[in-house]
Amino acid sequence: MKKVTKGALAAVTVVSAALIPTVGDAAVAMAPEAVRDASSQKVVIVQPQSCIVENIDNYNRIKRLSDNHEKRAQIQEAARIKKSCGVSVSSNDRTILERIVEAEAGGEDHKGKVLVANVVLNRVKDKSFPSTVEEVVFAHSGSTYQFSPIHDGRYYTVDVSKDTKKAVEDALNGNDPSQGALYFMERAYADPDNASWFDRCLTRLFGYKCHEFYK
């Protein structure tokens, strides 16, 4: 058998690689000719710049369509909620409402949670209170907050249950047994001065479980 030198083998490899056909519009780029070992030869398929630009354009077009679809869906959902309960609620508002309901009524049954959600939504609709869920929940005068879980930090540590999320969803869908309540308290844990103010200045509507509801 005739012995083939390394140089000759490298030359044969370069010639053979040069015969590799192009793939579509893609170019075939060869490694430099000055190669000591044929095993180090590499064939790299390089995508033409025009294809890269076209793919980026397609990606951006799809991203815009997806974003627009999501925005339309959010607008439609907000309109549906407003029609149901009279309040415009963003996804952020919904999250805040779920957390405050969990913090205030996590141990209550489903209706008790719906009632607390109702009170927040009733305040949003009332001109005497701020006009968004977020502003209502975080309303305060100095260090005095309207909702105690904001003051003591419970709001920030709760794990929202599936039932609480369903209760908030029901309230947003118009389930409202609150009789227009704007306040509620748990008398057993209320500050005596606050409880006295409720009794003197507000109209008691009804009691449900551990909460009393006022207007």
N, C-alpha and C. Protein backbone atom coordinates (compact mmCIF):
# COMPACT_ATOMS: atom_id res chain seq x y z
N MET A 1 0.87 -1.20 0.00
CA MET A 1 0.00 0.00 0.00
C MET A 1 0.89 1.24 0.00
N LYS A 2 0.53 2.21 -0.82
CA LYS A 2 1.32 3.42 -0.91
C LYS A 2 1.06 4.33 0.28
N LYS A 3 2.15 4.78 0.91
CA LYS A 3 2.03 5.63 2.08
C LYS A 3 1.64 7.06 1.67
N VAL A 4 0.64 7.61 2.38
CA VAL A 4 0.18 8.97 2.09
C VAL A 4 0.71 9.89 3.17
N THR A 5 1.36 10.97 2.75
CA THR A 5 1.92 11.91 3.73
C THR A 5 0.81 12.75 4.32
N LYS A 6 1.13 13.36 5.51
CA LYS A 6 0.14 14.23 6.17
C LYS A 6 -0.23 15.41 5.29
N GLY A 7 0.78 15.96 4.60
CA GLY A 7 0.52 17.13 3.74
C GLY A 7 -0.44 16.77 2.63
N ALA A 8 -0.21 15.60 2.02
CA ALA A 8 -1.08 15.18 0.93
C ALA A 8 -2.50 14.93 1.43
N LEU A 9 -2.61 14.31 2.62
CA LEU A 9 -3.93 14.05 3.20
C LEU A 9 -4.69 15.34 3.46
N ALA A 10 -3.99 16.35 3.96
CA ALA A 10 -4.63 17.65 4.21
C ALA A 10 -5.12 18.26 2.91
N ALA A 11 -4.30 18.14 1.87
CA ALA A 11 -4.68 18.71 0.58
C ALA A 11 -5.93 18.03 0.04
N VAL A 12 -5.96 16.68 0.15
CA VAL A 12 -7.12 15.93 -0.33
C VAL A 12 -8.38 16.35 0.43
N THR A 13 -8.21 16.54 1.75
CA THR A 13 -9.37 16.92 2.58
C THR A 13 -9.93 18.28 2.16
N VAL A 14 -9.03 19.24 1.89
CA VAL A 14 -9.46 20.57 1.47
C VAL A 14 -10.20 20.50 0.15
N VAL A 15 -9.69 19.73 -0.80
CA VAL A 15 -10.34 19.60 -2.11
C VAL A 15 -11.70 18.95 -1.94
N SER A 16 -11.77 17.89 -1.08
CA SER A 16 -13.04 17.20 -0.88
C SER A 16 -14.07 18.12 -0.26
N ALA A 17 -13.64 18.89 0.74
CA ALA A 17 -14.58 19.81 1.39
C ALA A 17 -15.07 20.86 0.43
N ALA A 18 -14.20 21.26 -0.51
CA ALA A 18 -14.59 22.29 -1.48
C ALA A 18 -15.70 21.79 -2.39
N LEU A 19 -15.83 20.45 -2.51
CA LEU A 19 -16.87 19.89 -3.37
C LEU A 19 -18.22 19.78 -2.68
N ILE A 20 -18.27 20.10 -1.34
CA ILE A 20 -19.55 20.01 -0.62
C ILE A 20 -20.50 21.07 -1.17
N PRO A 21 -21.67 20.69 -1.61
CA PRO A 21 -22.61 21.67 -2.20
C PRO A 21 -23.15 22.62 -1.15
N THR A 22 -23.63 23.75 -1.62
CA THR A 22 -24.26 24.70 -0.70
C THR A 22 -25.60 24.16 -0.27
N VAL A 23 -26.10 24.61 0.89
CA VAL A 23 -27.40 24.18 1.42
C VAL A 23 -28.38 25.34 1.25
N GLY A 24 -29.25 25.20 0.25
CA GLY A 24 -30.17 26.32 -0.01
C GLY A 24 -29.36 27.55 -0.38
N ASP A 25 -29.70 28.67 0.31
CA ASP A 25 -28.96 29.91 0.10
C ASP A 25 -27.78 30.02 1.03
N ALA A 26 -27.59 29.00 1.90
CA ALA A 26 -26.53 29.11 2.90
C ALA A 26 -25.17 28.87 2.27
N ALA A 27 -24.18 29.58 2.75
CA ALA A 27 -22.84 29.44 2.23
C ALA A 27 -22.07 28.43 3.06
N VAL A 28 -21.07 27.74 2.42
CA VAL A 28 -20.24 26.78 3.12
C VAL A 28 -18.89 27.43 3.35
N ALA A 29 -18.54 27.59 4.62
CA ALA A 29 -17.27 28.25 4.95
C ALA A 29 -16.29 27.19 5.40
N MET A 30 -15.12 27.17 4.78
CA MET A 30 -14.10 26.18 5.11
C MET A 30 -13.08 26.76 6.06
N ALA A 31 -12.44 25.84 6.83
CA ALA A 31 -11.34 26.24 7.67
C ALA A 31 -10.14 26.59 6.80
N PRO A 32 -9.20 27.35 7.27
CA PRO A 32 -8.01 27.73 6.50
C PRO A 32 -7.27 26.51 5.98
N GLU A 33 -6.59 26.66 4.85
CA GLU A 33 -5.88 25.56 4.23
C GLU A 33 -4.70 25.08 5.07
N ALA A 34 -4.06 25.97 5.79
CA ALA A 34 -2.86 25.60 6.55
C ALA A 34 -3.26 24.81 7.78
N VAL A 35 -3.62 23.53 7.55
CA VAL A 35 -4.06 22.65 8.61
C VAL A 35 -3.09 21.48 8.71
N ARG A 36 -2.61 21.15 9.90
CA ARG A 36 -1.64 20.08 10.09
C ARG A 36 -2.30 18.70 10.09
N ASP A 37 -3.56 18.62 10.59
CA ASP A 37 -4.21 17.33 10.74
C ASP A 37 -5.59 17.41 10.12
N ALA A 38 -5.92 16.46 9.23
CA ALA A 38 -7.22 16.51 8.55
C ALA A 38 -8.37 16.41 9.53
N SER A 39 -8.16 15.78 10.69
CA SER A 39 -9.23 15.62 11.66
C SER A 39 -9.68 16.93 12.26
N SER A 40 -8.87 18.00 12.11
CA SER A 40 -9.23 19.30 12.67
C SER A 40 -10.01 20.16 11.69
N GLN A 41 -10.24 19.63 10.47
CA GLN A 41 -11.04 20.36 9.49
C GLN A 41 -12.46 20.51 10.01
N LYS A 42 -13.06 21.68 9.86
CA LYS A 42 -14.43 21.92 10.30
C LYS A 42 -15.22 22.59 9.19
N VAL A 43 -16.45 22.15 9.02
CA VAL A 43 -17.35 22.77 8.05
C VAL A 43 -18.42 23.52 8.83
N VAL A 44 -18.55 24.80 8.58
CA VAL A 44 -19.50 25.65 9.29
C VAL A 44 -20.54 26.16 8.32
N ILE A 45 -21.81 25.89 8.64
CA ILE A 45 -22.90 26.39 7.79
C ILE A 45 -23.26 27.78 8.30
N VAL A 46 -23.07 28.77 7.45
CA VAL A 46 -23.32 30.15 7.83
C VAL A 46 -24.60 30.63 7.19
N GLN A 47 -25.54 31.13 8.02
CA GLN A 47 -26.80 31.64 7.49
C GLN A 47 -26.58 33.01 6.87
N PRO A 48 -27.06 33.21 5.66
CA PRO A 48 -26.89 34.52 5.02
C PRO A 48 -27.50 35.63 5.85
N GLN A 49 -26.93 36.82 5.79
CA GLN A 49 -27.41 37.96 6.57
C GLN A 49 -28.87 38.27 6.26
N SER A 50 -29.26 38.09 5.00
CA SER A 50 -30.64 38.40 4.62
C SER A 50 -31.63 37.52 5.36
N CYS A 51 -31.25 36.24 5.60
CA CYS A 51 -32.13 35.33 6.33
C CYS A 51 -32.24 35.74 7.79
N ILE A 52 -31.12 36.16 8.38
CA ILE A 52 -31.12 36.59 9.78
C ILE A 52 -32.03 37.79 9.95
N VAL A 53 -31.90 38.77 9.07
CA VAL A 53 -32.73 39.98 9.13
C VAL A 53 -34.20 39.62 8.99
N GLU A 54 -34.50 38.70 8.06
CA GLU A 54 -35.89 38.30 7.84
C GLU A 54 -36.46 37.60 9.07
N ASN A 55 -35.65 36.74 9.71
CA ASN A 55 -36.11 36.04 10.90
C ASN A 55 -36.37 37.01 12.05
N ILE A 56 -35.49 38.00 12.23
CA ILE A 56 -35.68 39.00 13.27
C ILE A 56 -36.95 39.80 13.02
N ASP A 57 -37.18 40.17 11.76
CA ASP A 57 -38.39 40.91 11.41
C ASP A 57 -39.64 40.09 11.72
N ASN A 58 -39.59 38.78 11.40
CA ASN A 58 -40.72 37.91 11.68
C ASN A 58 -40.97 37.79 13.18
N TYR A 59 -39.88 37.65 13.94
CA TYR A 59 -40.00 37.55 15.39
C TYR A 59 -40.63 38.81 15.97
N ASN A 60 -40.14 39.97 15.53
CA ASN A 60 -40.67 41.25 16.03
C ASN A 60 -42.13 41.42 15.66
N ARG A 61 -42.49 40.96 14.44
CA ARG A 61 -43.87 41.07 13.99
C ARG A 61 -44.79 40.19 14.86
N ILE A 62 -44.36 38.97 15.14
CA ILE A 62 -45.14 38.07 15.98
C ILE A 62 -45.25 38.61 17.40
N LYS A 63 -44.14 39.17 17.92
CA LYS A 63 -44.14 39.74 19.27
C LYS A 63 -45.14 40.89 19.36
N ARG A 64 -45.16 41.75 18.34
CA ARG A 64 -46.11 42.88 18.35
C ARG A 64 -47.55 42.38 18.33
N LEU A 65 -47.81 41.38 17.49
CA LEU A 65 -49.16 40.83 17.41
C LEU A 65 -49.58 40.21 18.74
N SER A 66 -48.65 39.50 19.37
CA SER A 66 -48.94 38.88 20.67
C SER A 66 -49.20 39.94 21.74
N ASP A 67 -48.38 40.99 21.76
CA ASP A 67 -48.57 42.06 22.73
C ASP A 67 -49.90 42.77 22.53
N ASN A 68 -50.23 43.03 21.27
CA ASN A 68 -51.50 43.70 20.96
C ASN A 68 -52.69 42.84 21.37
N HIS A 69 -52.58 41.54 21.12
CA HIS A 69 -53.65 40.62 21.50
C HIS A 69 -53.82 40.61 23.01
N GLU A 70 -52.71 40.59 23.75
CA GLU A 70 -52.78 40.59 25.21
C GLU A 70 -53.40 41.88 25.73
N LYS A 71 -53.02 43.01 25.13
CA LYS A 71 -53.58 44.29 25.56
C LYS A 71 -55.09 44.34 25.30
N ARG A 72 -55.51 43.85 24.13
CA ARG A 72 -56.94 43.83 23.82
C ARG A 72 -57.69 42.95 24.81
N ALA A 73 -57.10 41.80 25.14
CA ALA A 73 -57.74 40.89 26.10
C ALA A 73 -57.88 41.55 27.47
N GLN A 74 -56.85 42.29 27.88
CA GLN A 74 -56.90 42.98 29.18
C GLN A 74 -57.97 44.07 29.17
N ILE A 75 -58.07 44.80 28.06
CA ILE A 75 -59.09 45.86 27.95
C ILE A 75 -60.48 45.25 27.99
N GLN A 76 -60.67 44.15 27.28
CA GLN A 76 -61.98 43.50 27.25
C GLN A 76 -62.35 42.95 28.63
N GLU A 77 -61.35 42.38 29.33
CA GLU A 77 -61.62 41.85 30.67
C GLU A 77 -61.95 42.97 31.64
N ALA A 78 -61.23 44.10 31.54
CA ALA A 78 -61.51 45.24 32.41
C ALA A 78 -62.92 45.78 32.16
N ALA A 79 -63.32 45.83 30.89
CA ALA A 79 -64.67 46.31 30.55
C ALA A 79 -65.73 45.34 31.09
N ARG A 80 -65.45 44.05 31.00
CA ARG A 80 -66.39 43.05 31.52
C ARG A 80 -66.56 43.19 33.03
N ILE A 81 -65.45 43.36 33.72
CA ILE A 81 -65.50 43.50 35.18
C ILE A 81 -66.25 44.77 35.57
N LYS A 82 -65.94 45.86 34.87
CA LYS A 82 -66.61 47.12 35.21
C LYS A 82 -68.11 47.00 34.99
N LYS A 83 -68.52 46.30 33.95
CA LYS A 83 -69.94 46.11 33.69
C LYS A 83 -70.58 45.27 34.80
N SER A 84 -69.82 44.34 35.35
CA SER A 84 -70.35 43.43 36.37
C SER A 84 -70.43 44.07 37.74
N CYS A 85 -69.35 44.75 38.15
CA CYS A 85 -69.32 45.26 39.53
C CYS A 85 -69.17 46.78 39.60
N GLY A 86 -69.07 47.44 38.46
CA GLY A 86 -69.02 48.89 38.45
C GLY A 86 -67.65 49.49 38.70
N VAL A 87 -66.60 48.66 38.71
CA VAL A 87 -65.26 49.15 39.02
C VAL A 87 -64.27 48.67 37.96
N SER A 88 -63.40 49.56 37.52
CA SER A 88 -62.31 49.16 36.61
C SER A 88 -61.18 48.58 37.44
N VAL A 89 -60.79 47.37 37.13
CA VAL A 89 -59.78 46.66 37.93
C VAL A 89 -58.67 46.14 37.02
N SER A 90 -57.45 46.57 37.29
CA SER A 90 -56.30 46.07 36.54
C SER A 90 -55.84 44.75 37.15
N SER A 91 -54.91 44.08 36.48
CA SER A 91 -54.37 42.84 37.04
C SER A 91 -53.66 43.10 38.36
N ASN A 92 -53.02 44.26 38.48
CA ASN A 92 -52.37 44.62 39.74
C ASN A 92 -53.41 44.85 40.84
N ASP A 93 -54.52 45.50 40.50
CA ASP A 93 -55.60 45.72 41.46
C ASP A 93 -56.16 44.39 41.96
N ARG A 94 -56.31 43.46 41.03
CA ARG A 94 -56.86 42.15 41.41
C ARG A 94 -55.94 41.46 42.43
N THR A 95 -54.64 41.53 42.18
CA THR A 95 -53.68 40.92 43.10
C THR A 95 -53.76 41.57 44.48
N ILE A 96 -53.85 42.89 44.51
CA ILE A 96 -53.97 43.62 45.79
C ILE A 96 -55.25 43.23 46.51
N LEU A 97 -56.34 43.14 45.77
CA LEU A 97 -57.62 42.78 46.37
C LEU A 97 -57.57 41.36 46.95
N GLU A 98 -56.95 40.45 46.24
CA GLU A 98 -56.83 39.07 46.74
C GLU A 98 -56.02 39.04 48.04
N ARG A 99 -54.95 39.80 48.10
CA ARG A 99 -54.09 39.78 49.29
C ARG A 99 -54.78 40.41 50.50
N ILE A 100 -55.49 41.51 50.29
CA ILE A 100 -56.14 42.14 51.44
C ILE A 100 -57.32 41.29 51.93
N VAL A 101 -58.01 40.62 51.02
CA VAL A 101 -59.10 39.72 51.43
C VAL A 101 -58.53 38.54 52.21
N GLU A 102 -57.43 37.99 51.75
CA GLU A 102 -56.80 36.88 52.48
C GLU A 102 -56.36 37.33 53.87
N ALA A 103 -55.77 38.53 53.94
CA ALA A 103 -55.28 39.04 55.22
C ALA A 103 -56.42 39.36 56.20
N GLU A 104 -57.52 39.86 55.68
CA GLU A 104 -58.64 40.26 56.54
C GLU A 104 -59.60 39.11 56.84
N ALA A 105 -59.74 38.18 55.89
CA ALA A 105 -60.80 37.17 56.03
C ALA A 105 -60.33 35.78 55.62
N GLY A 106 -59.03 35.52 55.73
CA GLY A 106 -58.52 34.20 55.32
C GLY A 106 -59.14 33.05 56.08
N GLY A 107 -59.58 33.30 57.31
CA GLY A 107 -60.22 32.25 58.11
C GLY A 107 -61.72 32.19 57.97
N GLU A 108 -62.28 33.08 57.16
CA GLU A 108 -63.73 33.12 56.97
C GLU A 108 -64.16 32.14 55.87
N ASP A 109 -65.45 31.92 55.77
CA ASP A 109 -65.95 31.09 54.67
C ASP A 109 -66.01 31.92 53.39
N HIS A 110 -66.49 31.32 52.32
CA HIS A 110 -66.46 31.98 51.00
C HIS A 110 -67.23 33.29 51.00
N LYS A 111 -68.43 33.29 51.59
CA LYS A 111 -69.24 34.50 51.60
C LYS A 111 -68.55 35.60 52.41
N GLY A 112 -67.93 35.23 53.52
CA GLY A 112 -67.22 36.23 54.32
C GLY A 112 -66.11 36.91 53.54
N LYS A 113 -65.45 36.16 52.68
CA LYS A 113 -64.39 36.74 51.85
C LYS A 113 -64.99 37.63 50.76
N VAL A 114 -66.08 37.19 50.17
CA VAL A 114 -66.76 38.01 49.15
C VAL A 114 -67.17 39.35 49.75
N LEU A 115 -67.68 39.33 50.97
CA LEU A 115 -68.13 40.56 51.62
C LEU A 115 -66.98 41.55 51.83
N VAL A 116 -65.82 41.06 52.22
CA VAL A 116 -64.68 41.96 52.40
C VAL A 116 -64.26 42.56 51.06
N ALA A 117 -64.27 41.73 50.02
CA ALA A 117 -63.96 42.25 48.67
C ALA A 117 -64.99 43.29 48.26
N ASN A 118 -66.25 43.05 48.59
CA ASN A 118 -67.32 44.01 48.28
C ASN A 118 -67.05 45.37 48.91
N VAL A 119 -66.62 45.37 50.16
CA VAL A 119 -66.38 46.63 50.86
C VAL A 119 -65.31 47.45 50.13
N VAL A 120 -64.24 46.80 49.70
CA VAL A 120 -63.19 47.51 48.97
C VAL A 120 -63.75 48.08 47.67
N LEU A 121 -64.51 47.28 46.94
CA LEU A 121 -65.08 47.74 45.66
C LEU A 121 -66.11 48.83 45.88
N ASN A 122 -66.88 48.73 46.94
CA ASN A 122 -67.85 49.78 47.26
C ASN A 122 -67.16 51.11 47.53
N ARG A 123 -66.02 51.05 48.18
CA ARG A 123 -65.27 52.28 48.44
C ARG A 123 -64.74 52.90 47.15
N VAL A 124 -64.29 52.05 46.25
CA VAL A 124 -63.80 52.58 44.96
C VAL A 124 -64.91 53.33 44.24
N LYS A 125 -66.13 52.82 44.35
CA LYS A 125 -67.26 53.46 43.67
C LYS A 125 -67.77 54.70 44.39
N ASP A 126 -67.44 54.82 45.68
CA ASP A 126 -67.93 55.94 46.48
C ASP A 126 -66.99 57.15 46.34
N LYS A 127 -67.56 58.32 46.12
CA LYS A 127 -66.76 59.52 45.90
C LYS A 127 -66.00 59.97 47.14
N SER A 128 -66.37 59.45 48.29
CA SER A 128 -65.68 59.83 49.53
C SER A 128 -64.34 59.11 49.69
N PHE A 129 -64.09 58.13 48.83
CA PHE A 129 -62.87 57.33 48.93
C PHE A 129 -62.07 57.42 47.63
N PRO A 130 -60.83 56.96 47.64
CA PRO A 130 -60.03 56.96 46.40
C PRO A 130 -60.70 56.14 45.30
N SER A 131 -60.22 56.33 44.08
CA SER A 131 -60.92 55.77 42.92
C SER A 131 -60.32 54.49 42.35
N THR A 132 -59.33 53.92 43.02
CA THR A 132 -58.77 52.64 42.57
C THR A 132 -58.64 51.69 43.75
N VAL A 133 -58.59 50.40 43.45
CA VAL A 133 -58.43 49.40 44.51
C VAL A 133 -57.13 49.64 45.27
N GLU A 134 -56.06 49.89 44.56
CA GLU A 134 -54.76 50.10 45.20
C GLU A 134 -54.80 51.28 46.16
N GLU A 135 -55.39 52.39 45.74
CA GLU A 135 -55.45 53.57 46.59
C GLU A 135 -56.34 53.35 47.81
N VAL A 136 -57.42 52.62 47.63
CA VAL A 136 -58.30 52.32 48.76
C VAL A 136 -57.59 51.45 49.79
N VAL A 137 -56.95 50.39 49.33
CA VAL A 137 -56.32 49.44 50.25
C VAL A 137 -55.16 50.07 51.02
N PHE A 138 -54.40 50.95 50.36
CA PHE A 138 -53.22 51.53 51.01
C PHE A 138 -53.49 52.93 51.58
N ALA A 139 -54.74 53.35 51.61
CA ALA A 139 -55.07 54.67 52.14
C ALA A 139 -54.67 54.76 53.61
N HIS A 140 -54.14 55.92 53.98
CA HIS A 140 -53.74 56.12 55.38
C HIS A 140 -53.66 57.61 55.69
N SER A 141 -53.70 57.91 56.96
CA SER A 141 -53.49 59.27 57.45
C SER A 141 -52.36 59.18 58.46
N GLY A 142 -51.21 59.64 58.05
CA GLY A 142 -50.02 59.47 58.88
C GLY A 142 -49.69 58.00 58.99
N SER A 143 -49.63 57.50 60.22
CA SER A 143 -49.32 56.08 60.43
C SER A 143 -50.58 55.25 60.64
N THR A 144 -51.74 55.88 60.47
CA THR A 144 -53.01 55.17 60.65
C THR A 144 -53.53 54.72 59.29
N TYR A 145 -53.59 53.40 59.09
CA TYR A 145 -54.05 52.83 57.82
C TYR A 145 -55.51 52.39 57.93
N GLN A 146 -56.21 52.46 56.81
CA GLN A 146 -57.60 52.04 56.78
C GLN A 146 -57.75 50.54 57.03
N PHE A 147 -56.77 49.78 56.59
CA PHE A 147 -56.82 48.33 56.75
C PHE A 147 -55.64 47.89 57.61
N SER A 148 -55.94 47.28 58.74
CA SER A 148 -54.88 46.94 59.70
C SER A 148 -53.81 46.01 59.15
N PRO A 149 -54.12 45.08 58.23
CA PRO A 149 -53.06 44.21 57.72
C PRO A 149 -51.95 44.97 56.98
N ILE A 150 -52.24 46.16 56.50
CA ILE A 150 -51.19 46.97 55.88
C ILE A 150 -50.27 47.50 56.97
N HIS A 151 -50.87 47.94 58.08
CA HIS A 151 -50.09 48.50 59.18
C HIS A 151 -49.22 47.45 59.87
N ASP A 152 -49.80 46.29 60.14
CA ASP A 152 -49.03 45.29 60.90
C ASP A 152 -48.24 44.33 60.00
N GLY A 153 -48.38 44.47 58.69
CA GLY A 153 -47.56 43.69 57.77
C GLY A 153 -48.14 42.36 57.33
N ARG A 154 -49.30 41.99 57.85
CA ARG A 154 -49.88 40.69 57.45
C ARG A 154 -50.15 40.62 55.95
N TYR A 155 -50.50 41.75 55.38
CA TYR A 155 -50.78 41.81 53.94
C TYR A 155 -49.61 41.25 53.13
N TYR A 156 -48.40 41.52 53.56
CA TYR A 156 -47.21 41.17 52.79
C TYR A 156 -46.76 39.72 52.99
N THR A 157 -47.35 39.00 53.93
CA THR A 157 -46.89 37.65 54.23
C THR A 157 -47.91 36.56 53.92
N VAL A 158 -49.11 36.92 53.52
CA VAL A 158 -50.15 35.91 53.30
C VAL A 158 -49.89 35.08 52.05
N ASP A 159 -50.39 33.85 52.10
CA ASP A 159 -50.45 32.99 50.92
C ASP A 159 -51.92 32.94 50.50
N VAL A 160 -52.20 33.49 49.35
CA VAL A 160 -53.59 33.59 48.90
C VAL A 160 -54.11 32.22 48.49
N SER A 161 -55.21 31.81 49.08
CA SER A 161 -55.79 30.49 48.80
C SER A 161 -56.63 30.52 47.52
N LYS A 162 -56.92 29.33 47.01
CA LYS A 162 -57.77 29.22 45.82
C LYS A 162 -59.17 29.77 46.11
N ASP A 163 -59.66 29.50 47.33
CA ASP A 163 -61.00 29.98 47.67
C ASP A 163 -61.05 31.50 47.73
N THR A 164 -59.97 32.12 48.22
CA THR A 164 -59.93 33.59 48.26
C THR A 164 -59.93 34.15 46.84
N LYS A 165 -59.15 33.54 45.97
CA LYS A 165 -59.13 34.00 44.57
C LYS A 165 -60.51 33.86 43.94
N LYS A 166 -61.19 32.75 44.25
CA LYS A 166 -62.54 32.55 43.71
C LYS A 166 -63.51 33.56 44.30
N ALA A 167 -63.36 33.88 45.58
CA ALA A 167 -64.23 34.87 46.20
C ALA A 167 -64.06 36.25 45.57
N VAL A 168 -62.82 36.62 45.30
CA VAL A 168 -62.55 37.91 44.64
C VAL A 168 -63.13 37.88 43.23
N GLU A 169 -62.96 36.77 42.53
CA GLU A 169 -63.53 36.64 41.19
C GLU A 169 -65.04 36.80 41.23
N ASP A 170 -65.68 36.18 42.22
CA ASP A 170 -67.14 36.29 42.35
C ASP A 170 -67.55 37.74 42.60
N ALA A 171 -66.80 38.43 43.46
CA ALA A 171 -67.12 39.84 43.73
C ALA A 171 -66.96 40.69 42.48
N LEU A 172 -65.92 40.43 41.73
CA LEU A 172 -65.70 41.17 40.48
C LEU A 172 -66.76 40.85 39.44
N ASN A 173 -67.34 39.66 39.54
CA ASN A 173 -68.40 39.26 38.61
C ASN A 173 -69.78 39.73 39.06
N GLY A 174 -69.82 40.54 40.14
CA GLY A 174 -71.09 41.14 40.54
C GLY A 174 -71.78 40.50 41.72
N ASN A 175 -71.19 39.48 42.32
CA ASN A 175 -71.78 38.88 43.53
C ASN A 175 -71.59 39.85 44.69
N ASP A 176 -72.68 40.48 45.15
CA ASP A 176 -72.56 41.54 46.15
C ASP A 176 -73.70 41.49 47.17
N PRO A 177 -73.50 40.74 48.27
CA PRO A 177 -74.50 40.72 49.34
C PRO A 177 -74.22 41.76 50.43
N SER A 178 -73.39 42.76 50.11
CA SER A 178 -72.88 43.68 51.14
C SER A 178 -73.84 44.79 51.54
N GLN A 179 -74.92 44.97 50.78
CA GLN A 179 -75.89 46.06 51.05
C GLN A 179 -75.20 47.43 51.01
N GLY A 180 -74.15 47.54 50.23
CA GLY A 180 -73.47 48.82 50.09
C GLY A 180 -72.52 49.16 51.23
N ALA A 181 -72.13 48.18 52.02
CA ALA A 181 -71.25 48.42 53.17
C ALA A 181 -69.93 49.06 52.75
N LEU A 182 -69.50 50.03 53.55
CA LEU A 182 -68.24 50.71 53.30
C LEU A 182 -67.20 50.45 54.39
N TYR A 183 -67.65 49.83 55.47
CA TYR A 183 -66.77 49.54 56.60
C TYR A 183 -67.10 48.16 57.15
N PHE A 184 -66.13 47.56 57.80
CA PHE A 184 -66.38 46.35 58.57
C PHE A 184 -65.39 46.31 59.72
N MET A 185 -65.75 45.61 60.75
CA MET A 185 -64.81 45.44 61.86
C MET A 185 -65.04 44.11 62.54
N GLU A 186 -64.01 43.62 63.20
CA GLU A 186 -64.11 42.44 64.04
C GLU A 186 -64.03 42.94 65.48
N ARG A 187 -65.17 43.05 66.11
CA ARG A 187 -65.27 43.74 67.40
C ARG A 187 -64.34 43.14 68.45
N ALA A 188 -64.16 41.84 68.41
CA ALA A 188 -63.33 41.19 69.42
C ALA A 188 -61.89 41.68 69.41
N TYR A 189 -61.43 42.13 68.23
CA TYR A 189 -60.05 42.58 68.10
C TYR A 189 -59.93 44.08 67.83
N ALA A 190 -61.07 44.77 67.77
CA ALA A 190 -61.05 46.20 67.44
C ALA A 190 -60.60 47.03 68.63
N ASP A 191 -59.91 48.12 68.34
CA ASP A 191 -59.58 49.08 69.39
C ASP A 191 -60.89 49.65 69.94
N PRO A 192 -61.03 49.77 71.26
CA PRO A 192 -62.30 50.26 71.85
C PRO A 192 -62.73 51.62 71.30
N ASP A 193 -61.79 52.51 71.08
CA ASP A 193 -62.14 53.82 70.53
C ASP A 193 -62.68 53.70 69.12
N ASN A 194 -62.06 52.83 68.32
CA ASN A 194 -62.54 52.61 66.96
C ASN A 194 -63.93 52.00 66.96
N ALA A 195 -64.13 51.01 67.81
CA ALA A 195 -65.44 50.36 67.89
C ALA A 195 -66.51 51.37 68.31
N SER A 196 -66.15 52.25 69.24
CA SER A 196 -67.09 53.27 69.68
C SER A 196 -67.44 54.22 68.54
N TRP A 197 -66.43 54.57 67.74
CA TRP A 197 -66.68 55.46 66.59
C TRP A 197 -67.62 54.80 65.60
N PHE A 198 -67.43 53.51 65.32
CA PHE A 198 -68.32 52.77 64.43
C PHE A 198 -69.75 52.86 64.94
N ASP A 199 -69.93 52.63 66.22
CA ASP A 199 -71.27 52.61 66.79
C ASP A 199 -71.93 53.99 66.78
N ARG A 200 -71.15 55.04 67.02
CA ARG A 200 -71.71 56.39 67.10
C ARG A 200 -71.92 57.04 65.74
N CYS A 201 -71.01 56.78 64.81
CA CYS A 201 -70.99 57.57 63.58
C CYS A 201 -71.47 56.83 62.34
N LEU A 202 -71.62 55.54 62.41
CA LEU A 202 -71.99 54.76 61.24
C LEU A 202 -73.30 54.02 61.47
N THR A 203 -73.87 53.54 60.40
CA THR A 203 -75.09 52.74 60.48
C THR A 203 -74.73 51.27 60.33
N ARG A 204 -75.06 50.50 61.35
CA ARG A 204 -74.76 49.07 61.28
C ARG A 204 -75.76 48.40 60.34
N LEU A 205 -75.24 47.66 59.36
CA LEU A 205 -76.10 47.00 58.38
C LEU A 205 -76.43 45.57 58.78
N PHE A 206 -75.40 44.81 59.14
CA PHE A 206 -75.60 43.40 59.51
C PHE A 206 -74.29 42.83 60.02
N GLY A 207 -74.39 41.68 60.61
CA GLY A 207 -73.21 40.95 61.04
C GLY A 207 -73.12 39.65 60.27
N TYR A 208 -71.89 39.22 59.97
CA TYR A 208 -71.71 37.92 59.33
C TYR A 208 -70.46 37.28 59.90
N LYS A 209 -70.64 36.12 60.53
CA LYS A 209 -69.54 35.44 61.20
C LYS A 209 -68.91 36.40 62.21
N CYS A 210 -67.59 36.63 62.09
CA CYS A 210 -66.93 37.47 63.10
C CYS A 210 -66.93 38.96 62.74
N HIS A 211 -67.43 39.32 61.56
CA HIS A 211 -67.37 40.72 61.12
C HIS A 211 -68.74 41.41 61.21
N GLU A 212 -68.71 42.68 61.50
CA GLU A 212 -69.89 43.52 61.45
C GLU A 212 -69.68 44.54 60.32
N PHE A 213 -70.74 44.80 59.57
CA PHE A 213 -70.63 45.65 58.38
C PHE A 213 -71.46 46.92 58.58
N TYR A 214 -70.87 48.02 58.16
CA TYR A 214 -71.43 49.36 58.39
C TYR A 214 -71.41 50.20 57.11
N LYS A 215 -72.19 51.26 57.18
CA LYS A 215 -72.22 52.23 56.08
C LYS A 215 -72.28 53.65 56.63
